[in-house]
PDB file of N, CA and C in Angstrom:
ATOM      1  N   UNK A   1      34.859 167.595  91.545  1.00  0.00           N
ATOM      2  CA  UNK A   1      35.887 167.229  90.607  1.00  0.00           C
ATOM      3  C   UNK A   1      36.453 165.878  91.040  1.00  0.00           C
ATOM      4  N   UNK A   2      36.809 165.055  90.037  1.00  0.00           N
ATOM      5  CA  UNK A   2      37.335 163.722  90.298  1.00  0.00           C
ATOM      6  C   UNK A   2      38.671 163.549  89.577  1.00  0.00           C
ATOM      7  N   UNK A   3      39.521 162.706  90.150  1.00  0.00           N
ATOM      8  CA  UNK A   3      40.774 162.328  89.519  1.00  0.00           C
ATOM      9  C   UNK A   3      40.634 160.895  89.036  1.00  0.00           C
ATOM     10  N   UNK A   4      40.730 160.727  87.723  1.00  0.00           N
ATOM     11  CA  UNK A   4      40.720 159.406  87.118  1.00  0.00           C
ATOM     12  C   UNK A   4      42.165 158.926  87.029  1.00  0.00           C
ATOM     13  N   UNK A   5      42.425 157.740  87.573  1.00  0.00           N
ATOM     14  CA  UNK A   5      43.754 157.132  87.514  1.00  0.00           C
ATOM     15  C   UNK A   5      43.594 155.787  86.819  1.00  0.00           C
ATOM     16  N   UNK A   6      44.394 155.576  85.779  1.00  0.00           N
ATOM     17  CA  UNK A   6      44.345 154.312  85.043  1.00  0.00           C
ATOM     18  C   UNK A   6      45.758 153.775  84.882  1.00  0.00           C
ATOM     19  N   UNK A   7      45.979 152.573  85.385  1.00  0.00           N
ATOM     20  CA  UNK A   7      47.243 151.881  85.174  1.00  0.00           C
ATOM     21  C   UNK A   7      47.023 150.949  83.991  1.00  0.00           C
ATOM     22  N   UNK A   8      47.772 151.183  82.928  1.00  0.00           N
ATOM     23  CA  UNK A   8      47.623 150.417  81.689  1.00  0.00           C
ATOM     24  C   UNK A   8      48.853 149.522  81.551  1.00  0.00           C
ATOM     25  N   UNK A   9      48.642 148.217  81.577  1.00  0.00           N
ATOM     26  CA  UNK A   9      49.772 147.288  81.559  1.00  0.00           C
ATOM     27  C   UNK A   9      50.445 147.189  80.194  1.00  0.00           C
ATOM     28  N   UNK A  10      49.728 147.482  79.116  1.00  0.00           N
ATOM     29  CA  UNK A  10      50.302 147.432  77.770  1.00  0.00           C
ATOM     30  C   UNK A  10      50.514 148.855  77.271  1.00  0.00           C
ATOM     31  N   UNK A  11      51.744 149.355  77.299  1.00  0.00           N
ATOM     32  CA  UNK A  11      51.990 150.748  76.909  1.00  0.00           C
ATOM     33  C   UNK A  11      51.613 151.050  75.463  1.00  0.00           C
ATOM     34  N   UNK A  12      51.546 150.024  74.613  1.00  0.00           N
ATOM     35  CA  UNK A  12      51.163 150.239  73.215  1.00  0.00           C
ATOM     36  C   UNK A  12      49.707 150.666  73.066  1.00  0.00           C
ATOM     37  N   UNK A  13      48.896 150.457  74.099  1.00  0.00           N
ATOM     38  CA  UNK A  13      47.473 150.803  74.028  1.00  0.00           C
ATOM     39  C   UNK A  13      47.175 152.223  74.506  1.00  0.00           C
ATOM     40  N   UNK A  14      48.174 152.900  75.046  1.00  0.00           N
ATOM     41  CA  UNK A  14      47.956 154.239  75.599  1.00  0.00           C
ATOM     42  C   UNK A  14      47.519 155.230  74.512  1.00  0.00           C
ATOM     43  N   UNK A  15      48.134 155.179  73.343  1.00  0.00           N
ATOM     44  CA  UNK A  15      47.773 156.109  72.269  1.00  0.00           C
ATOM     45  C   UNK A  15      46.319 155.904  71.859  1.00  0.00           C
ATOM     46  N   UNK A  16      45.863 154.655  71.809  1.00  0.00           N
ATOM     47  CA  UNK A  16      44.461 154.385  71.478  1.00  0.00           C
ATOM     48  C   UNK A  16      43.525 154.950  72.544  1.00  0.00           C
ATOM     49  N   UNK A  17      43.933 154.861  73.792  1.00  0.00           N
ATOM     50  CA  UNK A  17      43.134 155.444  74.873  1.00  0.00           C
ATOM     51  C   UNK A  17      43.069 156.957  74.712  1.00  0.00           C
ATOM     52  N   UNK A  18      44.203 157.579  74.433  1.00  0.00           N
ATOM     53  CA  UNK A  18      44.224 159.036  74.259  1.00  0.00           C
ATOM     54  C   UNK A  18      43.391 159.462  73.052  1.00  0.00           C
ATOM     55  N   UNK A  19      43.427 158.686  71.968  1.00  0.00           N
ATOM     56  CA  UNK A  19      42.563 158.974  70.810  1.00  0.00           C
ATOM     57  C   UNK A  19      41.098 158.914  71.222  1.00  0.00           C
ATOM     58  N   UNK A  20      40.743 157.905  72.014  1.00  0.00           N
ATOM     59  CA  UNK A  20      39.372 157.788  72.511  1.00  0.00           C
ATOM     60  C   UNK A  20      38.999 158.947  73.408  1.00  0.00           C
ATOM     61  N   UNK A  21      39.946 159.406  74.228  1.00  0.00           N
ATOM     62  CA  UNK A  21      39.696 160.570  75.071  1.00  0.00           C
ATOM     63  C   UNK A  21      39.377 161.791  74.222  1.00  0.00           C
ATOM     64  N   UNK A  22      40.133 162.003  73.158  1.00  0.00           N
ATOM     65  CA  UNK A  22      39.883 163.155  72.288  1.00  0.00           C
ATOM     66  C   UNK A  22      38.500 163.076  71.662  1.00  0.00           C
ATOM     67  N   UNK A  23      38.062 161.876  71.306  1.00  0.00           N
ATOM     68  CA  UNK A  23      36.733 161.692  70.706  1.00  0.00           C
ATOM     69  C   UNK A  23      35.621 162.083  71.673  1.00  0.00           C
ATOM     70  N   UNK A  24      35.845 161.940  72.960  1.00  0.00           N
ATOM     71  CA  UNK A  24      34.817 162.309  73.942  1.00  0.00           C
ATOM     72  C   UNK A  24      35.119 163.658  74.595  1.00  0.00           C
ATOM     73  N   UNK A  25      36.075 164.378  74.020  1.00  0.00           N
ATOM     74  CA  UNK A  25      36.427 165.734  74.430  1.00  0.00           C
ATOM     75  C   UNK A  25      37.129 165.803  75.786  1.00  0.00           C
ATOM     76  N   UNK A  26      37.901 164.781  76.113  1.00  0.00           N
ATOM     77  CA  UNK A  26      38.806 164.852  77.258  1.00  0.00           C
ATOM     78  C   UNK A  26      40.113 165.389  76.701  1.00  0.00           C
ATOM     79  N   UNK A  27      40.501 166.579  77.146  1.00  0.00           N
ATOM     80  CA  UNK A  27      41.636 167.284  76.545  1.00  0.00           C
ATOM     81  C   UNK A  27      42.884 167.328  77.405  1.00  0.00           C
ATOM     82  N   UNK A  28      42.860 166.670  78.552  1.00  0.00           N
ATOM     83  CA  UNK A  28      44.042 166.723  79.395  1.00  0.00           C
ATOM     84  C   UNK A  28      44.276 165.428  80.142  1.00  0.00           C
ATOM     85  N   UNK A  29      45.499 164.958  80.075  1.00  0.00           N
ATOM     86  CA  UNK A  29      45.901 163.773  80.837  1.00  0.00           C
ATOM     87  C   UNK A  29      47.417 163.820  80.998  1.00  0.00           C
ATOM     88  N   UNK A  30      47.882 163.247  82.071  1.00  0.00           N
ATOM     89  CA  UNK A  30      49.309 163.112  82.323  1.00  0.00           C
ATOM     90  C   UNK A  30      49.622 161.625  82.308  1.00  0.00           C
ATOM     91  N   UNK A  31      50.702 161.250  81.636  1.00  0.00           N
ATOM     92  CA  UNK A  31      51.076 159.849  81.519  1.00  0.00           C
ATOM     93  C   UNK A  31      52.477 159.653  82.101  1.00  0.00           C
ATOM     94  N   UNK A  32      52.604 158.675  82.991  1.00  0.00           N
ATOM     95  CA  UNK A  32      53.892 158.349  83.602  1.00  0.00           C
ATOM     96  C   UNK A  32      54.228 156.886  83.360  1.00  0.00           C
ATOM     97  N   UNK A  33      55.513 156.589  83.187  1.00  0.00           N
ATOM     98  CA  UNK A  33      55.948 155.199  83.166  1.00  0.00           C
ATOM     99  C   UNK A  33      55.821 154.671  84.583  1.00  0.00           C
ATOM    100  N   UNK A  34      55.408 153.404  84.713  1.00  0.00           N
ATOM    101  CA  UNK A  34      55.218 152.854  86.051  1.00  0.00           C
ATOM    102  C   UNK A  34      55.544 151.365  86.077  1.00  0.00           C
ATOM    103  N   UNK A  35      55.803 150.869  87.269  1.00  0.00           N
ATOM    104  CA  UNK A  35      56.100 149.453  87.493  1.00  0.00           C
ATOM    105  C   UNK A  35      55.383 148.996  88.748  1.00  0.00           C
ATOM    106  N   UNK A  36      54.982 147.742  88.739  1.00  0.00           N
ATOM    107  CA  UNK A  36      54.350 147.170  89.918  1.00  0.00           C
ATOM    108  C   UNK A  36      55.367 146.743  90.956  1.00  0.00           C
ATOM    109  N   UNK A  37      54.890 146.556  92.159  1.00  0.00           N
ATOM    110  CA  UNK A  37      55.750 146.197  93.282  1.00  0.00           C
ATOM    111  C   UNK A  37      56.511 144.898  93.026  1.00  0.00           C
ATOM    112  N   UNK A  38      55.834 143.903  92.458  1.00  0.00           N
ATOM    113  CA  UNK A  38      56.479 142.609  92.240  1.00  0.00           C
ATOM    114  C   UNK A  38      57.694 142.738  91.339  1.00  0.00           C
ATOM    115  N   UNK A  39      57.600 143.614  90.339  1.00  0.00           N
ATOM    116  CA  UNK A  39      58.723 143.777  89.413  1.00  0.00           C
ATOM    117  C   UNK A  39      59.880 144.524  90.065  1.00  0.00           C
ATOM    118  N   UNK A  40      59.563 145.442  90.930  1.00  0.00           N
ATOM    119  CA  UNK A  40      60.620 146.178  91.616  1.00  0.00           C
ATOM    120  C   UNK A  40      61.330 145.295  92.642  1.00  0.00           C
ATOM    121  N   UNK A  41      60.561 144.553  93.406  1.00  0.00           N
ATOM    122  CA  UNK A  41      61.154 143.727  94.455  1.00  0.00           C
ATOM    123  C   UNK A  41      61.907 142.546  93.856  1.00  0.00           C
ATOM    124  N   UNK A  42      61.501 142.082  92.659  1.00  0.00           N
ATOM    125  CA  UNK A  42      62.177 140.950  92.018  1.00  0.00           C
ATOM    126  C   UNK A  42      63.643 141.258  91.741  1.00  0.00           C
ATOM    127  N   UNK A  43      63.965 142.537  91.531  1.00  0.00           N
ATOM    128  CA  UNK A  43      65.349 142.923  91.294  1.00  0.00           C
ATOM    129  C   UNK A  43      66.214 142.773  92.550  1.00  0.00           C
ATOM    130  N   UNK A  44      65.575 142.783  93.714  1.00  0.00           N
ATOM    131  CA  UNK A  44      66.316 142.758  94.981  1.00  0.00           C
ATOM    132  C   UNK A  44      66.163 141.452  95.750  1.00  0.00           C
ATOM    133  N   UNK A  45      65.066 140.748  95.483  1.00  0.00           N
ATOM    134  CA  UNK A  45      64.811 139.493  96.187  1.00  0.00           C
ATOM    135  C   UNK A  45      64.556 138.417  95.129  1.00  0.00           C
ATOM    136  N   UNK A  46      65.562 137.638  94.784  1.00  0.00           N
ATOM    137  CA  UNK A  46      65.444 136.662  93.697  1.00  0.00           C
ATOM    138  C   UNK A  46      64.263 135.700  93.834  1.00  0.00           C
ATOM    139  N   UNK A  47      63.852 135.412  95.058  1.00  0.00           N
ATOM    140  CA  UNK A  47      62.712 134.512  95.263  1.00  0.00           C
ATOM    141  C   UNK A  47      61.471 135.002  94.523  1.00  0.00           C
ATOM    142  N   UNK A  48      61.293 136.331  94.397  1.00  0.00           N
ATOM    143  CA  UNK A  48      60.094 136.903  93.777  1.00  0.00           C
ATOM    144  C   UNK A  48      60.177 136.994  92.262  1.00  0.00           C
ATOM    145  N   UNK A  49      61.328 136.755  91.670  1.00  0.00           N
ATOM    146  CA  UNK A  49      61.493 136.903  90.230  1.00  0.00           C
ATOM    147  C   UNK A  49      60.486 136.082  89.426  1.00  0.00           C
ATOM    148  N   UNK A  50      60.277 134.796  89.734  1.00  0.00           N
ATOM    149  CA  UNK A  50      59.303 134.029  88.940  1.00  0.00           C
ATOM    150  C   UNK A  50      57.886 134.584  89.035  1.00  0.00           C
ATOM    151  N   UNK A  51      57.510 135.134  90.187  1.00  0.00           N
ATOM    152  CA  UNK A  51      56.169 135.692  90.346  1.00  0.00           C
ATOM    153  C   UNK A  51      56.002 136.959  89.522  1.00  0.00           C
ATOM    154  N   UNK A  52      57.041 137.740  89.421  1.00  0.00           N
ATOM    155  CA  UNK A  52      56.991 138.996  88.684  1.00  0.00           C
ATOM    156  C   UNK A  52      56.915 138.767  87.187  1.00  0.00           C
ATOM    157  N   UNK A  53      57.412 137.619  86.728  1.00  0.00           N
ATOM    158  CA  UNK A  53      57.482 137.368  85.287  1.00  0.00           C
ATOM    159  C   UNK A  53      56.423 136.400  84.789  1.00  0.00           C
ATOM    160  N   UNK A  54      55.544 135.921  85.647  1.00  0.00           N
ATOM    161  CA  UNK A  54      54.556 134.914  85.265  1.00  0.00           C
ATOM    162  C   UNK A  54      53.585 135.440  84.206  1.00  0.00           C
ATOM    163  N   UNK A  55      53.912 135.209  82.955  1.00  0.00           N
ATOM    164  CA  UNK A  55      52.986 135.489  81.867  1.00  0.00           C
ATOM    165  C   UNK A  55      52.685 136.945  81.613  1.00  0.00           C
ATOM    166  N   UNK A  56      53.418 137.854  82.168  1.00  0.00           N
ATOM    167  CA  UNK A  56      53.145 139.268  81.948  1.00  0.00           C
ATOM    168  C   UNK A  56      54.079 139.770  80.862  1.00  0.00           C
ATOM    169  N   UNK A  57      53.498 140.081  79.698  1.00  0.00           N
ATOM    170  CA  UNK A  57      54.293 140.412  78.521  1.00  0.00           C
ATOM    171  C   UNK A  57      55.124 141.672  78.690  1.00  0.00           C
ATOM    172  N   UNK A  58      54.546 142.728  79.231  1.00  0.00           N
ATOM    173  CA  UNK A  58      55.237 144.006  79.367  1.00  0.00           C
ATOM    174  C   UNK A  58      55.625 144.254  80.815  1.00  0.00           C
ATOM    175  N   UNK A  59      56.194 143.253  81.436  1.00  0.00           N
ATOM    176  CA  UNK A  59      56.521 143.322  82.849  1.00  0.00           C
ATOM    177  C   UNK A  59      57.330 144.568  83.186  1.00  0.00           C
ATOM    178  N   UNK A  60      56.828 145.336  84.140  1.00  0.00           N
ATOM    179  CA  UNK A  60      57.537 146.518  84.607  1.00  0.00           C
ATOM    180  C   UNK A  60      57.516 147.671  83.629  1.00  0.00           C
ATOM    181  N   UNK A  61      56.675 147.593  82.623  1.00  0.00           N
ATOM    182  CA  UNK A  61      56.675 148.610  81.582  1.00  0.00           C
ATOM    183  C   UNK A  61      55.263 149.152  81.363  1.00  0.00           C
ATOM    184  N   UNK A  62      54.548 149.429  82.428  1.00  0.00           N
ATOM    185  CA  UNK A  62      53.185 149.937  82.301  1.00  0.00           C
ATOM    186  C   UNK A  62      53.195 151.464  82.257  1.00  0.00           C
ATOM    187  N   UNK A  63      52.031 152.021  82.033  1.00  0.00           N
ATOM    188  CA  UNK A  63      51.846 153.471  82.034  1.00  0.00           C
ATOM    189  C   UNK A  63      50.686 153.798  82.969  1.00  0.00           C
ATOM    190  N   UNK A  64      50.816 154.903  83.688  1.00  0.00           N
ATOM    191  CA  UNK A  64      49.736 155.373  84.543  1.00  0.00           C
ATOM    192  C   UNK A  64      49.255 156.714  84.014  1.00  0.00           C
ATOM    193  N   UNK A  65      47.958 156.784  83.746  1.00  0.00           N
ATOM    194  CA  UNK A  65      47.331 157.999  83.226  1.00  0.00           C
ATOM    195  C   UNK A  65      46.565 158.676  84.355  1.00  0.00           C
ATOM    196  N   UNK A  66      46.673 160.000  84.415  1.00  0.00           N
ATOM    197  CA  UNK A  66      45.932 160.815  85.377  1.00  0.00           C
ATOM    198  C   UNK A  66      45.145 161.849  84.592  1.00  0.00           C
ATOM    199  N   UNK A  67      43.873 162.009  84.934  1.00  0.00           N
ATOM    200  CA  UNK A  67      43.072 163.044  84.282  1.00  0.00           C
ATOM    201  C   UNK A  67      42.045 163.583  85.272  1.00  0.00           C
ATOM    202  N   UNK A  68      42.006 164.908  85.395  1.00  0.00           N
ATOM    203  CA  UNK A  68      40.998 165.550  86.244  1.00  0.00           C
ATOM    204  C   UNK A  68      39.715 165.717  85.456  1.00  0.00           C
ATOM    205  N   UNK A  69      38.595 165.384  86.079  1.00  0.00           N
ATOM    206  CA  UNK A  69      37.291 165.427  85.410  1.00  0.00           C
ATOM    207  C   UNK A  69      36.300 166.231  86.243  1.00  0.00           C
ATOM    208  N   UNK A  70      35.679 167.196  85.614  1.00  0.00           N
ATOM    209  CA  UNK A  70      34.607 167.948  86.276  1.00  0.00           C
ATOM    210  C   UNK A  70      33.245 167.307  86.018  1.00  0.00           C
ATOM    211  N   UNK A  71      33.108 166.688  84.861  1.00  0.00           N
ATOM    212  CA  UNK A  71      31.824 166.176  84.378  1.00  0.00           C
ATOM    213  C   UNK A  71      31.724 164.665  84.626  1.00  0.00           C
ATOM    214  N   UNK A  72      30.747 164.248  85.413  1.00  0.00           N
ATOM    215  CA  UNK A  72      30.568 162.836  85.761  1.00  0.00           C
ATOM    216  C   UNK A  72      30.275 161.980  84.529  1.00  0.00           C
ATOM    217  N   UNK A  73      29.505 162.523  83.580  1.00  0.00           N
ATOM    218  CA  UNK A  73      29.193 161.789  82.354  1.00  0.00           C
ATOM    219  C   UNK A  73      30.462 161.552  81.530  1.00  0.00           C
ATOM    220  N   UNK A  74      31.305 162.573  81.435  1.00  0.00           N
ATOM    221  CA  UNK A  74      32.562 162.436  80.701  1.00  0.00           C
ATOM    222  C   UNK A  74      33.482 161.434  81.410  1.00  0.00           C
ATOM    223  N   UNK A  75      33.460 161.432  82.727  1.00  0.00           N
ATOM    224  CA  UNK A  75      34.240 160.468  83.505  1.00  0.00           C
ATOM    225  C   UNK A  75      33.812 159.047  83.158  1.00  0.00           C
ATOM    226  N   UNK A  76      32.508 158.803  83.140  1.00  0.00           N
ATOM    227  CA  UNK A  76      31.997 157.470  82.792  1.00  0.00           C
ATOM    228  C   UNK A  76      32.411 157.072  81.379  1.00  0.00           C
ATOM    229  N   UNK A  77      32.364 158.018  80.451  1.00  0.00           N
ATOM    230  CA  UNK A  77      32.771 157.734  79.067  1.00  0.00           C
ATOM    231  C   UNK A  77      34.263 157.437  78.984  1.00  0.00           C
ATOM    232  N   UNK A  78      35.074 158.156  79.752  1.00  0.00           N
ATOM    233  CA  UNK A  78      36.523 157.922  79.749  1.00  0.00           C
ATOM    234  C   UNK A  78      36.839 156.524  80.284  1.00  0.00           C
ATOM    235  N   UNK A  79      36.153 156.121  81.334  1.00  0.00           N
ATOM    236  CA  UNK A  79      36.349 154.773  81.878  1.00  0.00           C
ATOM    237  C   UNK A  79      35.954 153.730  80.838  1.00  0.00           C
ATOM    238  N   UNK A  80      34.864 153.992  80.118  1.00  0.00           N
ATOM    239  CA  UNK A  80      34.423 153.061  79.077  1.00  0.00           C
ATOM    240  C   UNK A  80      35.449 152.963  77.955  1.00  0.00           C
ATOM    241  N   UNK A  81      36.036 154.101  77.570  1.00  0.00           N
ATOM    242  CA  UNK A  81      37.095 154.090  76.546  1.00  0.00           C
ATOM    243  C   UNK A  81      38.242 153.186  76.993  1.00  0.00           C
ATOM    244  N   UNK A  82      38.685 153.359  78.226  1.00  0.00           N
ATOM    245  CA  UNK A  82      39.795 152.552  78.742  1.00  0.00           C
ATOM    246  C   UNK A  82      39.429 151.072  78.730  1.00  0.00           C
ATOM    247  N   UNK A  83      38.249 150.764  79.216  1.00  0.00           N
ATOM    248  CA  UNK A  83      37.791 149.378  79.268  1.00  0.00           C
ATOM    249  C   UNK A  83      37.735 148.770  77.867  1.00  0.00           C
ATOM    250  N   UNK A  84      37.203 149.520  76.915  1.00  0.00           N
ATOM    251  CA  UNK A  84      37.090 149.027  75.535  1.00  0.00           C
ATOM    252  C   UNK A  84      38.463 148.790  74.909  1.00  0.00           C
ATOM    253  N   UNK A  85      39.352 149.752  75.049  1.00  0.00           N
ATOM    254  CA  UNK A  85      40.683 149.635  74.438  1.00  0.00           C
ATOM    255  C   UNK A  85      41.461 148.467  75.036  1.00  0.00           C
ATOM    256  N   UNK A  86      41.311 148.253  76.326  1.00  0.00           N
ATOM    257  CA  UNK A  86      42.054 147.176  76.989  1.00  0.00           C
ATOM    258  C   UNK A  86      41.383 145.819  76.837  1.00  0.00           C
ATOM    259  N   UNK A  87      40.241 145.782  76.182  1.00  0.00           N
ATOM    260  CA  UNK A  87      39.549 144.508  76.001  1.00  0.00           C
ATOM    261  C   UNK A  87      38.852 144.022  77.251  1.00  0.00           C
ATOM    262  N   UNK A  88      38.594 144.945  78.151  1.00  0.00           N
ATOM    263  CA  UNK A  88      37.901 144.621  79.392  1.00  0.00           C
ATOM    264  C   UNK A  88      38.847 144.590  80.571  1.00  0.00           C
ATOM    265  N   UNK A  89      38.581 145.434  81.537  1.00  0.00           N
ATOM    266  CA  UNK A  89      39.430 145.490  82.727  1.00  0.00           C
ATOM    267  C   UNK A  89      39.312 144.231  83.583  1.00  0.00           C
ATOM    268  N   UNK A  90      38.299 143.417  83.305  1.00  0.00           N
ATOM    269  CA  UNK A  90      38.151 142.158  84.026  1.00  0.00           C
ATOM    270  C   UNK A  90      39.181 141.124  83.568  1.00  0.00           C
ATOM    271  N   UNK A  91      39.836 141.377  82.432  1.00  0.00           N
ATOM    272  CA  UNK A  91      40.865 140.469  81.928  1.00  0.00           C
ATOM    273  C   UNK A  91      42.116 140.572  82.806  1.00  0.00           C
ATOM    274  N   UNK A  92      42.747 139.441  83.102  1.00  0.00           N
ATOM    275  CA  UNK A  92      43.968 139.489  83.915  1.00  0.00           C
ATOM    276  C   UNK A  92      45.048 140.341  83.254  1.00  0.00           C
ATOM    277  N   UNK A  93      45.747 141.105  84.044  1.00  0.00           N
ATOM    278  CA  UNK A  93      46.885 141.909  83.609  1.00  0.00           C
ATOM    279  C   UNK A  93      46.558 142.931  82.523  1.00  0.00           C
ATOM    280  N   UNK A  94      45.299 143.378  82.453  1.00  0.00           N
ATOM    281  CA  UNK A  94      44.941 144.412  81.477  1.00  0.00           C
ATOM    282  C   UNK A  94      45.224 145.802  82.035  1.00  0.00           C
ATOM    283  N   UNK A  95      44.851 146.015  83.271  1.00  0.00           N
ATOM    284  CA  UNK A  95      45.055 147.311  83.891  1.00  0.00           C
ATOM    285  C   UNK A  95      44.158 147.481  85.094  1.00  0.00           C
ATOM    286  N   UNK A  96      44.147 148.696  85.585  1.00  0.00           N
ATOM    287  CA  UNK A  96      43.403 149.037  86.790  1.00  0.00           C
ATOM    288  C   UNK A  96      42.933 150.479  86.657  1.00  0.00           C
ATOM    289  N   UNK A  97      41.693 150.737  87.028  1.00  0.00           N
ATOM    290  CA  UNK A  97      41.157 152.099  87.003  1.00  0.00           C
ATOM    291  C   UNK A  97      40.538 152.395  88.363  1.00  0.00           C
ATOM    292  N   UNK A  98      40.828 153.594  88.884  1.00  0.00           N
ATOM    293  CA  UNK A  98      40.124 154.045  90.082  1.00  0.00           C
ATOM    294  C   UNK A  98      39.928 155.554  90.001  1.00  0.00           C
ATOM    295  N   UNK A  99      38.984 156.033  90.795  1.00  0.00           N
ATOM    296  CA  UNK A  99      38.597 157.443  90.783  1.00  0.00           C
ATOM    297  C   UNK A  99      38.637 157.963  92.211  1.00  0.00           C
ATOM    298  N   UNK A 100      39.219 159.149  92.362  1.00  0.00           N
ATOM    299  CA  UNK A 100      39.325 159.780  93.682  1.00  0.00           C
ATOM    300  C   UNK A 100      38.679 161.157  93.654  1.00  0.00           C
ATOM    301  N   UNK A 101      38.031 161.553  94.751  1.00  0.00           N
ATOM    302  CA  UNK A 101      37.507 162.920  94.817  1.00  0.00           C
ATOM    303  C   UNK A 101      38.656 163.917  94.975  1.00  0.00           C
ATOM    304  N   UNK A 102      38.518 165.072  94.358  1.00  0.00           N
ATOM    305  CA  UNK A 102      39.520 166.142  94.475  1.00  0.00           C
ATOM    306  C   UNK A 102      38.844 167.330  95.140  1.00  0.00           C
ATOM    307  N   UNK A 103      39.335 167.720  96.287  1.00  0.00           N
ATOM    308  CA  UNK A 103      38.740 168.834  97.019  1.00  0.00           C
ATOM    309  C   UNK A 103      39.200 170.180  96.495  1.00  0.00           C
ATOM    310  N   UNK A 104      40.431 170.244  96.024  1.00  0.00           N
ATOM    311  CA  UNK A 104      40.969 171.531  95.583  1.00  0.00           C
ATOM    312  C   UNK A 104      41.949 171.281  94.448  1.00  0.00           C
ATOM    313  N   UNK A 105      41.933 172.171  93.468  1.00  0.00           N
ATOM    314  CA  UNK A 105      42.863 172.077  92.347  1.00  0.00           C
ATOM    315  C   UNK A 105      43.255 173.488  91.930  1.00  0.00           C
ATOM    316  N   UNK A 106      44.540 173.744  91.869  1.00  0.00           N
ATOM    317  CA  UNK A 106      45.048 175.039  91.442  1.00  0.00           C
ATOM    318  C   UNK A 106      45.774 174.857  90.112  1.00  0.00           C
ATOM    319  N   UNK A 107      45.586 175.786  89.199  1.00  0.00           N
ATOM    320  CA  UNK A 107      46.288 175.739  87.925  1.00  0.00           C
ATOM    321  C   UNK A 107      45.523 175.116  86.790  1.00  0.00           C
ATOM    322  N   UNK A 108      44.349 174.566  87.052  1.00  0.00           N
ATOM    323  CA  UNK A 108      43.543 173.977  85.983  1.00  0.00           C
ATOM    324  C   UNK A 108      42.671 175.064  85.371  1.00  0.00           C
ATOM    325  N   UNK A 109      42.658 175.161  84.029  1.00  0.00           N
ATOM    326  CA  UNK A 109      41.829 176.188  83.390  1.00  0.00           C
ATOM    327  C   UNK A 109      40.347 176.026  83.746  1.00  0.00           C
ATOM    328  N   UNK A 110      39.661 177.132  83.820  1.00  0.00           N
ATOM    329  CA  UNK A 110      38.222 177.095  84.072  1.00  0.00           C
ATOM    330  C   UNK A 110      37.523 176.508  82.855  1.00  0.00           C
ATOM    331  N   UNK A 111      36.331 175.924  83.034  1.00  0.00           N
ATOM    332  CA  UNK A 111      35.589 175.378  81.904  1.00  0.00           C
ATOM    333  C   UNK A 111      35.364 176.468  80.838  1.00  0.00           C
ATOM    334  N   UNK A 112      35.621 176.096  79.601  1.00  0.00           N
ATOM    335  CA  UNK A 112      35.416 177.039  78.496  1.00  0.00           C
ATOM    336  C   UNK A 112      36.554 178.011  78.279  1.00  0.00           C
ATOM    337  N   UNK A 113      37.556 177.989  79.153  1.00  0.00           N
ATOM    338  CA  UNK A 113      38.693 178.906  79.000  1.00  0.00           C
ATOM    339  C   UNK A 113      39.533 178.468  77.810  1.00  0.00           C
ATOM    340  N   UNK A 114      40.133 179.400  77.152  1.00  0.00           N
ATOM    341  CA  UNK A 114      41.005 179.109  76.019  1.00  0.00           C
ATOM    342  C   UNK A 114      42.282 178.494  76.560  1.00  0.00           C
ATOM    343  N   UNK A 115      42.558 177.207  76.192  1.00  0.00           N
ATOM    344  CA  UNK A 115      43.720 176.496  76.714  1.00  0.00           C
ATOM    345  C   UNK A 115      45.008 176.816  75.991  1.00  0.00           C
ATOM    346  N   UNK A 116      45.025 177.737  75.065  1.00  0.00           N
ATOM    347  CA  UNK A 116      46.234 178.014  74.299  1.00  0.00           C
ATOM    348  C   UNK A 116      47.114 178.943  75.028  1.00  0.00           C
TER     349      UNK A 116
END
């Protein structure tokens, strides 16, 4: 099992990502509001303020998505959805995606279980 983590810098694109997830049958994700370090420290250290605001439209207003994936193929498709919606993760300030192995998970429904 893998944990997909995606930091999306434009919160307006999150709904499009979730729509794409539904199209590939990803039925679970958790979304949190998030901010980068530069934006947090800029509030306390004025020297960093210009760096935190350099051309970033939604400064300090990103979203972080978490989704557990059992299927490697579905994981690859989910990453592709994110990349497509964001216009390419290689673009500056689009977002960040990483995947972590999960050794144990409690509370997640078994495959094929009725989620209702």
